[in-house]
Amino acid sequence: MRIFEDENEKMNLSLLDVGAGILSVSQFTLYADVRKGRRPSFTDSAPGNEAEALYQLFNEKLEQELGLNVETGVFGASMQVTITNDGPVTIMLDSDELAK
C-alpha cells in the first residue's frame, strides 16, 4: 500500500520506498465474530498451532521475499504494545472473503 507521503504530501510511497520496517504482533482477538449476541465468538479462528505456523510464515515472507526488517512479538503471549499514530489517517482493511 502506498500510505506514506511523497515530497508533494501525497500518499504515494510504500513501506519499501521509505525503508521502513514492520512490527508484527499476533492478535487473534481481531478475528472475533460479533454478529450474534454480545459475546465475541472465535470459532472460525485457526487452532493455535496452525495459527502460529501461519504467523511465522507471514513474517518469513515479509523478510525473505520483500527484504523487510521484521520485529515480532511472542505468539500467544499477553503483551502491551504502545504506539503513536502519526497523521490524520487510520486505515481499516476488511474483507468478506476468507483466505483458505
N, C-alpha and C. Protein backbone atom coordinates (compact mmCIF):
# COMPACT_ATOMS: atom_id res chain seq x y z
N MET A 1 0.83 -1.18 0.00
CA MET A 1 0.00 0.00 0.00
C MET A 1 0.88 1.24 0.00
N ARG A 2 0.48 2.20 -0.76
CA ARG A 2 1.19 3.48 -0.80
C ARG A 2 0.53 4.40 0.21
N ILE A 3 1.02 4.39 1.44
CA ILE A 3 0.39 5.14 2.53
C ILE A 3 1.31 6.18 3.15
N PHE A 4 2.51 6.33 2.59
CA PHE A 4 3.45 7.32 3.10
C PHE A 4 3.54 8.50 2.12
N GLU A 5 3.70 9.70 2.68
CA GLU A 5 3.71 10.91 1.86
C GLU A 5 4.99 11.05 1.03
N ASP A 6 4.81 11.56 -0.18
CA ASP A 6 5.96 11.91 -1.01
C ASP A 6 6.29 13.39 -0.79
N GLU A 7 7.16 13.93 -1.62
CA GLU A 7 7.58 15.33 -1.47
C GLU A 7 6.44 16.32 -1.69
N ASN A 8 5.34 15.87 -2.29
CA ASN A 8 4.17 16.73 -2.52
C ASN A 8 3.06 16.49 -1.51
N GLU A 9 3.40 15.78 -0.44
CA GLU A 9 2.47 15.45 0.64
C GLU A 9 1.29 14.60 0.16
N LYS A 10 1.53 13.81 -0.86
CA LYS A 10 0.53 12.86 -1.37
C LYS A 10 0.90 11.47 -0.87
N MET A 11 -0.09 10.70 -0.49
CA MET A 11 0.18 9.31 -0.07
C MET A 11 0.53 8.51 -1.32
N ASN A 12 1.82 8.44 -1.59
CA ASN A 12 2.28 7.88 -2.85
C ASN A 12 3.45 6.92 -2.68
N LEU A 13 3.93 6.73 -1.44
CA LEU A 13 5.09 5.89 -1.20
C LEU A 13 4.72 4.69 -0.34
N SER A 14 5.37 3.58 -0.62
CA SER A 14 5.13 2.36 0.14
C SER A 14 6.17 2.20 1.25
N LEU A 15 5.97 1.23 2.07
CA LEU A 15 6.91 0.87 3.12
C LEU A 15 8.30 0.62 2.52
N LEU A 16 8.33 -0.06 1.38
CA LEU A 16 9.61 -0.34 0.71
C LEU A 16 10.27 0.95 0.23
N ASP A 17 9.46 1.90 -0.25
CA ASP A 17 10.01 3.17 -0.75
C ASP A 17 10.68 3.99 0.33
N VAL A 18 10.13 3.94 1.54
CA VAL A 18 10.66 4.78 2.62
C VAL A 18 11.65 4.04 3.52
N GLY A 19 11.87 2.76 3.25
CA GLY A 19 12.83 1.98 4.03
C GLY A 19 12.39 1.69 5.45
N ALA A 20 11.10 1.57 5.64
CA ALA A 20 10.57 1.29 6.98
C ALA A 20 10.58 -0.20 7.26
N GLY A 21 10.35 -0.55 8.50
CA GLY A 21 10.26 -1.95 8.92
C GLY A 21 8.85 -2.26 9.39
N ILE A 22 8.70 -3.47 9.89
CA ILE A 22 7.39 -3.95 10.34
C ILE A 22 7.48 -4.40 11.79
N LEU A 23 6.49 -4.05 12.59
CA LEU A 23 6.30 -4.65 13.90
C LEU A 23 5.11 -5.58 13.75
N SER A 24 5.36 -6.87 13.80
CA SER A 24 4.32 -7.87 13.60
C SER A 24 3.98 -8.51 14.94
N VAL A 25 2.76 -8.24 15.40
CA VAL A 25 2.30 -8.76 16.68
C VAL A 25 1.03 -9.56 16.43
N SER A 26 1.04 -10.83 16.83
CA SER A 26 -0.16 -11.65 16.63
C SER A 26 -1.28 -11.15 17.53
N GLN A 27 -2.51 -11.20 17.01
CA GLN A 27 -3.65 -10.69 17.76
C GLN A 27 -4.89 -11.44 17.31
N PHE A 28 -5.11 -12.63 17.86
CA PHE A 28 -6.21 -13.45 17.38
C PHE A 28 -7.57 -12.85 17.69
N THR A 29 -7.66 -11.99 18.68
CA THR A 29 -8.95 -11.41 19.02
C THR A 29 -9.48 -10.50 17.93
N LEU A 30 -8.63 -10.11 16.98
CA LEU A 30 -9.11 -9.32 15.85
C LEU A 30 -10.04 -10.13 14.96
N TYR A 31 -10.02 -11.45 15.12
CA TYR A 31 -10.85 -12.34 14.31
C TYR A 31 -12.20 -12.61 14.97
N ALA A 32 -12.52 -11.87 15.99
CA ALA A 32 -13.78 -12.08 16.71
C ALA A 32 -14.99 -11.82 15.81
N ASP A 33 -15.97 -12.68 15.94
CA ASP A 33 -17.23 -12.53 15.22
C ASP A 33 -18.28 -12.07 16.23
N VAL A 34 -18.80 -10.88 16.03
CA VAL A 34 -19.78 -10.32 16.97
C VAL A 34 -21.13 -10.10 16.30
N ARG A 35 -21.40 -10.86 15.26
CA ARG A 35 -22.66 -10.69 14.56
C ARG A 35 -23.85 -11.26 15.33
N LYS A 36 -23.59 -12.16 16.28
CA LYS A 36 -24.68 -12.76 17.06
C LYS A 36 -24.44 -12.48 18.53
N GLY A 37 -25.33 -11.78 19.15
CA GLY A 37 -25.21 -11.52 20.58
C GLY A 37 -24.14 -10.51 20.92
N ARG A 38 -23.79 -10.49 22.21
CA ARG A 38 -22.82 -9.50 22.69
C ARG A 38 -21.48 -10.12 23.05
N ARG A 39 -21.39 -11.44 23.03
CA ARG A 39 -20.12 -12.10 23.35
C ARG A 39 -19.41 -12.48 22.06
N PRO A 40 -18.13 -12.12 21.91
CA PRO A 40 -17.42 -12.47 20.68
C PRO A 40 -17.21 -13.97 20.55
N SER A 41 -17.29 -14.44 19.33
CA SER A 41 -17.05 -15.85 19.02
C SER A 41 -15.74 -15.96 18.25
N PHE A 42 -14.96 -16.97 18.60
CA PHE A 42 -13.70 -17.20 17.91
C PHE A 42 -13.69 -18.57 17.24
N THR A 43 -14.88 -19.12 16.96
CA THR A 43 -14.97 -20.48 16.43
C THR A 43 -14.36 -20.62 15.04
N ASP A 44 -14.28 -19.55 14.28
CA ASP A 44 -13.68 -19.63 12.95
C ASP A 44 -12.18 -19.35 12.96
N SER A 45 -11.62 -19.05 14.13
CA SER A 45 -10.17 -18.82 14.22
C SER A 45 -9.45 -20.15 14.05
N ALA A 46 -8.24 -20.09 13.53
CA ALA A 46 -7.43 -21.30 13.36
C ALA A 46 -6.99 -21.81 14.72
N PRO A 47 -6.81 -23.14 14.85
CA PRO A 47 -6.24 -23.68 16.09
C PRO A 47 -4.86 -23.07 16.35
N GLY A 48 -4.46 -22.99 17.60
CA GLY A 48 -3.23 -22.31 17.98
C GLY A 48 -2.00 -22.71 17.20
N ASN A 49 -1.76 -24.02 17.04
CA ASN A 49 -0.54 -24.45 16.34
C ASN A 49 -0.57 -24.06 14.86
N GLU A 50 -1.75 -24.13 14.25
CA GLU A 50 -1.90 -23.72 12.85
C GLU A 50 -1.74 -22.21 12.71
N ALA A 51 -2.35 -21.47 13.63
CA ALA A 51 -2.25 -20.01 13.60
C ALA A 51 -0.81 -19.56 13.80
N GLU A 52 -0.08 -20.21 14.71
CA GLU A 52 1.31 -19.83 14.93
C GLU A 52 2.16 -20.09 13.70
N ALA A 53 1.91 -21.22 13.02
CA ALA A 53 2.65 -21.53 11.79
C ALA A 53 2.37 -20.48 10.72
N LEU A 54 1.11 -20.04 10.60
CA LEU A 54 0.76 -19.01 9.62
C LEU A 54 1.42 -17.68 9.98
N TYR A 55 1.44 -17.37 11.25
CA TYR A 55 2.08 -16.13 11.72
C TYR A 55 3.58 -16.15 11.38
N GLN A 56 4.23 -17.26 11.65
CA GLN A 56 5.67 -17.38 11.34
C GLN A 56 5.91 -17.29 9.83
N LEU A 57 5.06 -17.95 9.05
CA LEU A 57 5.18 -17.91 7.59
C LEU A 57 5.02 -16.48 7.07
N PHE A 58 4.04 -15.77 7.60
CA PHE A 58 3.81 -14.38 7.22
C PHE A 58 5.07 -13.54 7.45
N ASN A 59 5.66 -13.69 8.64
CA ASN A 59 6.86 -12.92 8.97
C ASN A 59 8.05 -13.32 8.09
N GLU A 60 8.19 -14.61 7.81
CA GLU A 60 9.27 -15.08 6.93
C GLU A 60 9.12 -14.51 5.53
N LYS A 61 7.90 -14.48 5.01
CA LYS A 61 7.66 -13.94 3.66
C LYS A 61 8.02 -12.45 3.61
N LEU A 62 7.64 -11.71 4.64
CA LEU A 62 7.99 -10.28 4.69
C LEU A 62 9.50 -10.09 4.64
N GLU A 63 10.21 -10.92 5.38
CA GLU A 63 11.67 -10.80 5.44
C GLU A 63 12.34 -11.30 4.16
N GLN A 64 12.01 -12.53 3.77
CA GLN A 64 12.72 -13.18 2.67
C GLN A 64 12.31 -12.68 1.29
N GLU A 65 11.03 -12.47 1.08
CA GLU A 65 10.57 -12.09 -0.25
C GLU A 65 10.55 -10.59 -0.49
N LEU A 66 10.34 -9.82 0.59
CA LEU A 66 10.30 -8.37 0.43
C LEU A 66 11.52 -7.68 1.00
N GLY A 67 12.33 -8.42 1.76
CA GLY A 67 13.54 -7.85 2.32
C GLY A 67 13.29 -6.85 3.44
N LEU A 68 12.15 -6.98 4.11
CA LEU A 68 11.81 -6.04 5.18
C LEU A 68 12.44 -6.46 6.50
N ASN A 69 12.75 -5.48 7.33
CA ASN A 69 13.17 -5.74 8.70
C ASN A 69 11.90 -5.96 9.52
N VAL A 70 11.77 -7.17 10.11
CA VAL A 70 10.56 -7.53 10.84
C VAL A 70 10.91 -7.78 12.30
N GLU A 71 10.26 -7.04 13.17
CA GLU A 71 10.34 -7.30 14.61
C GLU A 71 9.04 -7.95 15.01
N THR A 72 9.10 -8.94 15.89
CA THR A 72 7.89 -9.68 16.24
C THR A 72 7.63 -9.64 17.74
N GLY A 73 6.38 -9.89 18.06
CA GLY A 73 6.00 -10.14 19.43
C GLY A 73 6.17 -11.63 19.70
N VAL A 74 5.61 -12.09 20.81
CA VAL A 74 5.65 -13.50 21.17
C VAL A 74 4.27 -14.08 20.94
N PHE A 75 4.16 -15.06 20.05
CA PHE A 75 2.87 -15.62 19.70
C PHE A 75 2.16 -16.16 20.95
N GLY A 76 0.91 -15.76 21.12
CA GLY A 76 0.09 -16.26 22.21
C GLY A 76 0.34 -15.61 23.56
N ALA A 77 1.31 -14.73 23.64
CA ALA A 77 1.63 -14.08 24.91
C ALA A 77 0.71 -12.88 25.14
N SER A 78 0.56 -12.52 26.38
CA SER A 78 -0.15 -11.31 26.73
C SER A 78 0.86 -10.18 26.70
N MET A 79 0.71 -9.28 25.74
CA MET A 79 1.68 -8.21 25.55
C MET A 79 1.00 -6.86 25.59
N GLN A 80 1.73 -5.87 26.01
CA GLN A 80 1.26 -4.49 25.95
C GLN A 80 2.10 -3.77 24.92
N VAL A 81 1.44 -3.21 23.93
CA VAL A 81 2.13 -2.50 22.86
C VAL A 81 1.62 -1.07 22.87
N THR A 82 2.54 -0.13 22.88
CA THR A 82 2.18 1.28 22.85
C THR A 82 2.62 1.85 21.51
N ILE A 83 1.71 2.55 20.86
CA ILE A 83 2.03 3.16 19.57
C ILE A 83 1.62 4.63 19.59
N THR A 84 2.16 5.36 18.67
CA THR A 84 1.75 6.73 18.43
C THR A 84 1.30 6.81 16.99
N ASN A 85 0.03 7.11 16.76
CA ASN A 85 -0.45 7.32 15.40
C ASN A 85 0.02 8.70 14.96
N ASP A 86 0.75 8.73 13.86
CA ASP A 86 1.33 9.97 13.38
C ASP A 86 0.65 10.35 12.07
N GLY A 87 -0.36 11.15 12.18
CA GLY A 87 -1.04 11.59 10.97
C GLY A 87 -2.54 11.57 11.10
N PRO A 88 -3.18 12.11 10.11
CA PRO A 88 -4.64 12.23 10.16
C PRO A 88 -5.38 11.01 9.60
N VAL A 89 -4.66 9.94 9.27
CA VAL A 89 -5.31 8.82 8.58
C VAL A 89 -5.19 7.53 9.38
N THR A 90 -6.31 6.84 9.50
CA THR A 90 -6.33 5.47 10.02
C THR A 90 -7.03 4.63 8.97
N ILE A 91 -6.39 3.54 8.55
CA ILE A 91 -6.95 2.69 7.51
C ILE A 91 -7.34 1.35 8.12
N MET A 92 -8.59 0.99 7.95
CA MET A 92 -9.05 -0.32 8.40
C MET A 92 -9.30 -1.17 7.16
N LEU A 93 -8.64 -2.32 7.10
CA LEU A 93 -8.84 -3.23 5.98
C LEU A 93 -9.83 -4.30 6.41
N ASP A 94 -10.81 -4.55 5.59
CA ASP A 94 -11.82 -5.56 5.90
C ASP A 94 -12.20 -6.26 4.61
N SER A 95 -12.49 -7.54 4.73
CA SER A 95 -12.86 -8.30 3.54
C SER A 95 -13.93 -9.30 3.91
N ASP A 96 -14.88 -9.50 3.03
CA ASP A 96 -15.89 -10.53 3.24
C ASP A 96 -15.37 -11.90 2.79
N GLU A 97 -14.25 -11.90 2.08
CA GLU A 97 -13.70 -13.16 1.61
C GLU A 97 -12.75 -13.75 2.63
N LEU A 98 -12.86 -15.06 2.84
CA LEU A 98 -11.97 -15.75 3.76
C LEU A 98 -10.80 -16.33 2.98
N ALA A 99 -9.61 -16.12 3.47
CA ALA A 99 -8.42 -16.71 2.84
C ALA A 99 -8.29 -18.13 3.33
N LYS A 100 -8.30 -19.07 2.45
CA LYS A 100 -8.17 -20.50 2.81
C LYS A 100 -6.98 -21.09 2.14
